[in-house]
Amino acid sequence: MLVERGLQVMNVEVVGDAYAIAQNYLRKSGAIPDTYLTHNRLLETIVQIFQRGEANKIRLANKAIQTFEATAS
């Protein structure tokens, strides 16, 4: 599904799949709590990477995990 945001078109399925992959990994590693709530910082990271041109869900998830772990406080 494509969603138009201003002049940008976002593939919601790619972003959603990448989020699910990254969230699953980070939950199992203990980096984020095991809840059903959306982790906004992770989602924002994925959207930013997607907007820079990464459209492969696996690479998108991996880059988001790396960024998230590097900036974890």
PDB file of N, CA and C in Angstrom:
ATOM      1  N   MET A   1       0.851  -1.182   0.000  1.00  0.00           N
ATOM      2  CA  MET A   1       0.000   0.000   0.000  1.00  0.00           C
ATOM      3  C   MET A   1       0.884   1.228   0.000  1.00  0.00           C
ATOM      4  N   LEU A   2       0.576   2.150  -0.879  1.00  0.00           N
ATOM      5  CA  LEU A   2       1.316   3.399  -0.949  1.00  0.00           C
ATOM      6  C   LEU A   2       0.478   4.510  -0.346  1.00  0.00           C
ATOM      7  N   VAL A   3       1.100   5.326   0.488  1.00  0.00           N
ATOM      8  CA  VAL A   3       0.414   6.433   1.120  1.00  0.00           C
ATOM      9  C   VAL A   3       1.142   7.708   0.758  1.00  0.00           C
ATOM     10  N   GLU A   4       0.412   8.686   0.264  1.00  0.00           N
ATOM     11  CA  GLU A   4       1.016   9.957  -0.113  1.00  0.00           C
ATOM     12  C   GLU A   4       1.114  10.856   1.110  1.00  0.00           C
ATOM     13  N   ARG A   5       2.312  11.350   1.371  1.00  0.00           N
ATOM     14  CA  ARG A   5       2.542  12.280   2.488  1.00  0.00           C
ATOM     15  C   ARG A   5       3.164  13.523   1.889  1.00  0.00           C
ATOM     16  N   GLY A   6       2.355  14.543   1.648  1.00  0.00           N
ATOM     17  CA  GLY A   6       2.856  15.720   0.972  1.00  0.00           C
ATOM     18  C   GLY A   6       3.198  15.329  -0.455  1.00  0.00           C
ATOM     19  N   LEU A   7       4.453  15.500  -0.830  1.00  0.00           N
ATOM     20  CA  LEU A   7       4.897  15.111  -2.157  1.00  0.00           C
ATOM     21  C   LEU A   7       5.590  13.751  -2.152  1.00  0.00           C
ATOM     22  N   GLN A   8       5.786  13.165  -0.969  1.00  0.00           N
ATOM     23  CA  GLN A   8       6.449  11.876  -0.873  1.00  0.00           C
ATOM     24  C   GLN A   8       5.426  10.755  -0.862  1.00  0.00           C
ATOM     25  N   VAL A   9       5.819   9.634  -1.420  1.00  0.00           N
ATOM     26  CA  VAL A   9       4.998   8.441  -1.378  1.00  0.00           C
ATOM     27  C   VAL A   9       5.742   7.425  -0.522  1.00  0.00           C
ATOM     28  N   MET A  10       5.051   6.876   0.470  1.00  0.00           N
ATOM     29  CA  MET A  10       5.683   5.936   1.377  1.00  0.00           C
ATOM     30  C   MET A  10       5.050   4.563   1.215  1.00  0.00           C
ATOM     31  N   ASN A  11       5.873   3.555   1.089  1.00  0.00           N
ATOM     32  CA  ASN A  11       5.399   2.192   1.016  1.00  0.00           C
ATOM     33  C   ASN A  11       5.227   1.700   2.448  1.00  0.00           C
ATOM     34  N   VAL A  12       4.005   1.692   2.918  1.00  0.00           N
ATOM     35  CA  VAL A  12       3.691   1.361   4.303  1.00  0.00           C
ATOM     36  C   VAL A  12       4.053  -0.092   4.607  1.00  0.00           C
ATOM     37  N   GLU A  13       3.911  -0.963   3.627  1.00  0.00           N
ATOM     38  CA  GLU A  13       4.210  -2.379   3.850  1.00  0.00           C
ATOM     39  C   GLU A  13       5.699  -2.585   4.141  1.00  0.00           C
ATOM     40  N   VAL A  14       6.574  -1.922   3.387  1.00  0.00           N
ATOM     41  CA  VAL A  14       8.020  -2.059   3.617  1.00  0.00           C
ATOM     42  C   VAL A  14       8.388  -1.521   4.986  1.00  0.00           C
ATOM     43  N   VAL A  15       7.878  -0.360   5.328  1.00  0.00           N
ATOM     44  CA  VAL A  15       8.168   0.244   6.634  1.00  0.00           C
ATOM     45  C   VAL A  15       7.615  -0.642   7.750  1.00  0.00           C
ATOM     46  N   GLY A  16       6.411  -1.140   7.594  1.00  0.00           N
ATOM     47  CA  GLY A  16       5.799  -2.002   8.608  1.00  0.00           C
ATOM     48  C   GLY A  16       6.545  -3.303   8.796  1.00  0.00           C
ATOM     49  N   ASP A  17       6.977  -3.917   7.697  1.00  0.00           N
ATOM     50  CA  ASP A  17       7.739  -5.164   7.785  1.00  0.00           C
ATOM     51  C   ASP A  17       9.095  -4.928   8.445  1.00  0.00           C
ATOM     52  N   ALA A  18       9.758  -3.859   8.058  1.00  0.00           N
ATOM     53  CA  ALA A  18      11.061  -3.538   8.654  1.00  0.00           C
ATOM     54  C   ALA A  18      10.913  -3.264  10.144  1.00  0.00           C
ATOM     55  N   TYR A  19       9.841  -2.565  10.518  1.00  0.00           N
ATOM     56  CA  TYR A  19       9.591  -2.294  11.936  1.00  0.00           C
ATOM     57  C   TYR A  19       9.382  -3.603  12.701  1.00  0.00           C
ATOM     58  N   ALA A  20       8.603  -4.515  12.144  1.00  0.00           N
ATOM     59  CA  ALA A  20       8.334  -5.789  12.812  1.00  0.00           C
ATOM     60  C   ALA A  20       9.617  -6.595  13.006  1.00  0.00           C
ATOM     61  N   ILE A  21      10.478  -6.608  12.002  1.00  0.00           N
ATOM     62  CA  ILE A  21      11.744  -7.337  12.093  1.00  0.00           C
ATOM     63  C   ILE A  21      12.635  -6.715  13.168  1.00  0.00           C
ATOM     64  N   ALA A  22      12.806  -5.396  13.103  1.00  0.00           N
ATOM     65  CA  ALA A  22      13.680  -4.710  14.064  1.00  0.00           C
ATOM     66  C   ALA A  22      13.123  -4.808  15.482  1.00  0.00           C
ATOM     67  N   GLN A  23      11.830  -4.636  15.626  1.00  0.00           N
ATOM     68  CA  GLN A  23      11.200  -4.695  16.944  1.00  0.00           C
ATOM     69  C   GLN A  23      11.356  -6.079  17.557  1.00  0.00           C
ATOM     70  N   ASN A  24      11.161  -7.112  16.762  1.00  0.00           N
ATOM     71  CA  ASN A  24      11.302  -8.479  17.255  1.00  0.00           C
ATOM     72  C   ASN A  24      12.730  -8.723  17.757  1.00  0.00           C
ATOM     73  N   TYR A  25      13.715  -8.324  16.974  1.00  0.00           N
ATOM     74  CA  TYR A  25      15.111  -8.504  17.380  1.00  0.00           C
ATOM     75  C   TYR A  25      15.428  -7.728  18.655  1.00  0.00           C
ATOM     76  N   LEU A  26      15.027  -6.459  18.692  1.00  0.00           N
ATOM     77  CA  LEU A  26      15.347  -5.616  19.849  1.00  0.00           C
ATOM     78  C   LEU A  26      14.619  -6.073  21.112  1.00  0.00           C
ATOM     79  N   ARG A  27      13.420  -6.604  20.974  1.00  0.00           N
ATOM     80  CA  ARG A  27      12.706  -7.152  22.134  1.00  0.00           C
ATOM     81  C   ARG A  27      13.406  -8.394  22.666  1.00  0.00           C
ATOM     82  N   LYS A  28      13.796  -9.280  21.763  1.00  0.00           N
ATOM     83  CA  LYS A  28      14.461 -10.516  22.191  1.00  0.00           C
ATOM     84  C   LYS A  28      15.829 -10.247  22.796  1.00  0.00           C
ATOM     85  N   SER A  29      16.489  -9.175  22.345  1.00  0.00           N
ATOM     86  CA  SER A  29      17.801  -8.839  22.902  1.00  0.00           C
ATOM     87  C   SER A  29      17.681  -8.039  24.202  1.00  0.00           C
ATOM     88  N   GLY A  30      16.461  -7.618  24.527  1.00  0.00           N
ATOM     89  CA  GLY A  30      16.234  -6.862  25.756  1.00  0.00           C
ATOM     90  C   GLY A  30      16.470  -5.362  25.627  1.00  0.00           C
ATOM     91  N   ALA A  31      16.678  -4.884  24.406  1.00  0.00           N
ATOM     92  CA  ALA A  31      16.950  -3.466  24.197  1.00  0.00           C
ATOM     93  C   ALA A  31      15.695  -2.604  24.340  1.00  0.00           C
ATOM     94  N   ILE A  32      14.534  -3.175  24.051  1.00  0.00           N
ATOM     95  CA  ILE A  32      13.271  -2.464  24.254  1.00  0.00           C
ATOM     96  C   ILE A  32      12.338  -3.381  25.031  1.00  0.00           C
ATOM     97  N   PRO A  33      11.401  -2.791  25.773  1.00  0.00           N
ATOM     98  CA  PRO A  33      10.493  -3.618  26.582  1.00  0.00           C
ATOM     99  C   PRO A  33       9.552  -4.457  25.714  1.00  0.00           C
ATOM    100  N   ASP A  34       9.125  -5.564  26.268  1.00  0.00           N
ATOM    101  CA  ASP A  34       8.231  -6.493  25.571  1.00  0.00           C
ATOM    102  C   ASP A  34       6.786  -6.071  25.826  1.00  0.00           C
ATOM    103  N   THR A  35       6.336  -5.063  25.074  1.00  0.00           N
ATOM    104  CA  THR A  35       4.960  -4.581  25.175  1.00  0.00           C
ATOM    105  C   THR A  35       4.352  -4.549  23.778  1.00  0.00           C
ATOM    106  N   TYR A  36       3.064  -4.310  23.727  1.00  0.00           N
ATOM    107  CA  TYR A  36       2.383  -4.220  22.434  1.00  0.00           C
ATOM    108  C   TYR A  36       2.327  -2.790  21.907  1.00  0.00           C
ATOM    109  N   LEU A  37       2.940  -1.867  22.617  1.00  0.00           N
ATOM    110  CA  LEU A  37       2.946  -0.477  22.189  1.00  0.00           C
ATOM    111  C   LEU A  37       3.996  -0.253  21.111  1.00  0.00           C
ATOM    112  N   THR A  38       3.730   0.672  20.216  1.00  0.00           N
ATOM    113  CA  THR A  38       4.693   1.028  19.190  1.00  0.00           C
ATOM    114  C   THR A  38       5.825   1.809  19.824  1.00  0.00           C
ATOM    115  N   HIS A  39       7.050   1.436  19.510  1.00  0.00           N
ATOM    116  CA  HIS A  39       8.223   2.149  20.016  1.00  0.00           C
ATOM    117  C   HIS A  39       8.509   3.284  19.035  1.00  0.00           C
ATOM    118  N   ASN A  40       8.140   4.504  19.423  1.00  0.00           N
ATOM    119  CA  ASN A  40       8.178   5.639  18.505  1.00  0.00           C
ATOM    120  C   ASN A  40       9.570   5.953  17.976  1.00  0.00           C
ATOM    121  N   ARG A  41      10.589   5.861  18.827  1.00  0.00           N
ATOM    122  CA  ARG A  41      11.952   6.186  18.376  1.00  0.00           C
ATOM    123  C   ARG A  41      12.404   5.203  17.293  1.00  0.00           C
ATOM    124  N   LEU A  42      12.083   3.941  17.465  1.00  0.00           N
ATOM    125  CA  LEU A  42      12.435   2.937  16.454  1.00  0.00           C
ATOM    126  C   LEU A  42      11.690   3.209  15.150  1.00  0.00           C
ATOM    127  N   LEU A  43      10.414   3.491  15.236  1.00  0.00           N
ATOM    128  CA  LEU A  43       9.621   3.776  14.037  1.00  0.00           C
ATOM    129  C   LEU A  43      10.143   5.017  13.322  1.00  0.00           C
ATOM    130  N   GLU A  44      10.458   6.066  14.071  1.00  0.00           N
ATOM    131  CA  GLU A  44      10.988   7.288  13.461  1.00  0.00           C
ATOM    132  C   GLU A  44      12.321   7.016  12.766  1.00  0.00           C
ATOM    133  N   THR A  45      13.158   6.190  13.373  1.00  0.00           N
ATOM    134  CA  THR A  45      14.436   5.836  12.769  1.00  0.00           C
ATOM    135  C   THR A  45      14.221   5.117  11.442  1.00  0.00           C
ATOM    136  N   ILE A  46      13.299   4.182  11.414  1.00  0.00           N
ATOM    137  CA  ILE A  46      13.008   3.430  10.189  1.00  0.00           C
ATOM    138  C   ILE A  46      12.470   4.353   9.103  1.00  0.00           C
ATOM    139  N   VAL A  47      11.561   5.242   9.455  1.00  0.00           N
ATOM    140  CA  VAL A  47      10.994   6.172   8.472  1.00  0.00           C
ATOM    141  C   VAL A  47      12.081   7.083   7.914  1.00  0.00           C
ATOM    142  N   GLN A  48      12.972   7.577   8.770  1.00  0.00           N
ATOM    143  CA  GLN A  48      14.057   8.447   8.299  1.00  0.00           C
ATOM    144  C   GLN A  48      14.971   7.721   7.324  1.00  0.00           C
ATOM    145  N   ILE A  49      15.332   6.479   7.639  1.00  0.00           N
ATOM    146  CA  ILE A  49      16.192   5.700   6.744  1.00  0.00           C
ATOM    147  C   ILE A  49      15.469   5.411   5.430  1.00  0.00           C
ATOM    148  N   PHE A  50      14.178   5.100   5.508  1.00  0.00           N
ATOM    149  CA  PHE A  50      13.373   4.864   4.303  1.00  0.00           C
ATOM    150  C   PHE A  50      13.341   6.112   3.426  1.00  0.00           C
ATOM    151  N   GLN A  51      13.164   7.263   4.040  1.00  0.00           N
ATOM    152  CA  GLN A  51      13.088   8.519   3.293  1.00  0.00           C
ATOM    153  C   GLN A  51      14.409   8.881   2.625  1.00  0.00           C
ATOM    154  N   ARG A  52      15.516   8.349   3.155  1.00  0.00           N
ATOM    155  CA  ARG A  52      16.824   8.578   2.532  1.00  0.00           C
ATOM    156  C   ARG A  52      17.056   7.643   1.355  1.00  0.00           C
ATOM    157  N   GLY A  53      16.124   6.717   1.094  1.00  0.00           N
ATOM    158  CA  GLY A  53      16.212   5.919  -0.114  1.00  0.00           C
ATOM    159  C   GLY A  53      16.317   4.415   0.065  1.00  0.00           C
ATOM    160  N   GLU A  54      16.404   3.919   1.284  1.00  0.00           N
ATOM    161  CA  GLU A  54      16.491   2.467   1.492  1.00  0.00           C
ATOM    162  C   GLU A  54      15.094   1.868   1.427  1.00  0.00           C
ATOM    163  N   ALA A  55      14.860   0.976   0.460  1.00  0.00           N
ATOM    164  CA  ALA A  55      13.533   0.398   0.282  1.00  0.00           C
ATOM    165  C   ALA A  55      13.499  -1.109   0.517  1.00  0.00           C
ATOM    166  N   ASN A  56      14.651  -1.723   0.798  1.00  0.00           N
ATOM    167  CA  ASN A  56      14.699  -3.149   1.089  1.00  0.00           C
ATOM    168  C   ASN A  56      14.421  -3.339   2.574  1.00  0.00           C
ATOM    169  N   LYS A  57      13.400  -4.136   2.908  1.00  0.00           N
ATOM    170  CA  LYS A  57      12.961  -4.226   4.301  1.00  0.00           C
ATOM    171  C   LYS A  57      14.012  -4.850   5.222  1.00  0.00           C
ATOM    172  N   ILE A  58      14.810  -5.775   4.725  1.00  0.00           N
ATOM    173  CA  ILE A  58      15.840  -6.403   5.553  1.00  0.00           C
ATOM    174  C   ILE A  58      16.957  -5.411   5.851  1.00  0.00           C
ATOM    175  N   ARG A  59      17.448  -4.734   4.815  1.00  0.00           N
ATOM    176  CA  ARG A  59      18.502  -3.728   5.032  1.00  0.00           C
ATOM    177  C   ARG A  59      17.986  -2.578   5.878  1.00  0.00           C
ATOM    178  N   LEU A  60      16.739  -2.208   5.655  1.00  0.00           N
ATOM    179  CA  LEU A  60      16.121  -1.134   6.441  1.00  0.00           C
ATOM    180  C   LEU A  60      16.066  -1.518   7.916  1.00  0.00           C
ATOM    181  N   ALA A  61      15.643  -2.734   8.215  1.00  0.00           N
ATOM    182  CA  ALA A  61      15.589  -3.203   9.601  1.00  0.00           C
ATOM    183  C   ALA A  61      16.984  -3.261  10.213  1.00  0.00           C
ATOM    184  N   ASN A  62      17.963  -3.790   9.467  1.00  0.00           N
ATOM    185  CA  ASN A  62      19.326  -3.892   9.985  1.00  0.00           C
ATOM    186  C   ASN A  62      19.936  -2.534  10.284  1.00  0.00           C
ATOM    187  N   LYS A  63      19.731  -1.575   9.384  1.00  0.00           N
ATOM    188  CA  LYS A  63      20.255  -0.226   9.615  1.00  0.00           C
ATOM    189  C   LYS A  63      19.574   0.417  10.816  1.00  0.00           C
ATOM    190  N   ALA A  64      18.277   0.192  10.964  1.00  0.00           N
ATOM    191  CA  ALA A  64      17.548   0.753  12.102  1.00  0.00           C
ATOM    192  C   ALA A  64      18.039   0.142  13.415  1.00  0.00           C
ATOM    193  N   ILE A  65      18.303  -1.155  13.415  1.00  0.00           N
ATOM    194  CA  ILE A  65      18.826  -1.824  14.614  1.00  0.00           C
ATOM    195  C   ILE A  65      20.188  -1.255  14.967  1.00  0.00           C
ATOM    196  N   GLN A  66      21.062  -1.104  13.982  1.00  0.00           N
ATOM    197  CA  GLN A  66      22.391  -0.554  14.226  1.00  0.00           C
ATOM    198  C   GLN A  66      22.299   0.864  14.781  1.00  0.00           C
ATOM    199  N   THR A  67      21.455   1.682  14.178  1.00  0.00           N
ATOM    200  CA  THR A  67      21.283   3.061  14.642  1.00  0.00           C
ATOM    201  C   THR A  67      20.709   3.088  16.040  1.00  0.00           C
ATOM    202  N   PHE A  68      19.713   2.263  16.288  1.00  0.00           N
ATOM    203  CA  PHE A  68      19.066   2.214  17.603  1.00  0.00           C
ATOM    204  C   PHE A  68      20.051   1.799  18.682  1.00  0.00           C
ATOM    205  N   GLU A  69      20.828   0.752  18.410  1.00  0.00           N
ATOM    206  CA  GLU A  69      21.788   0.269  19.408  1.00  0.00           C
ATOM    207  C   GLU A  69      22.927   1.262  19.620  1.00  0.00           C
ATOM    208  N   ALA A  70      23.315   1.976  18.588  1.00  0.00           N
ATOM    209  CA  ALA A  70      24.399   2.966  18.707  1.00  0.00           C
ATOM    210  C   ALA A  70      23.970   4.178  19.514  1.00  0.00           C
ATOM    211  N   THR A  71      22.683   4.498  19.487  1.00  0.00           N
ATOM    212  CA  THR A  71      22.199   5.684  20.188  1.00  0.00           C
ATOM    213  C   THR A  71      21.466   5.353  21.486  1.00  0.00           C
ATOM    214  N   ALA A  72      21.445   4.079  21.865  1.00  0.00           N
ATOM    215  CA  ALA A  72      20.762   3.680  23.098  1.00  0.00           C
ATOM    216  C   ALA A  72      21.474   4.291  24.297  1.00  0.00           C
ATOM    217  N   SER A  73      20.651   4.797  25.215  1.00  0.00           N
ATOM    218  CA  SER A  73      21.253   5.412  26.399  1.00  0.00           C
ATOM    219  C   SER A  73      20.876   4.686  27.652  1.00  0.00           C
TER     220      SER A  73
END
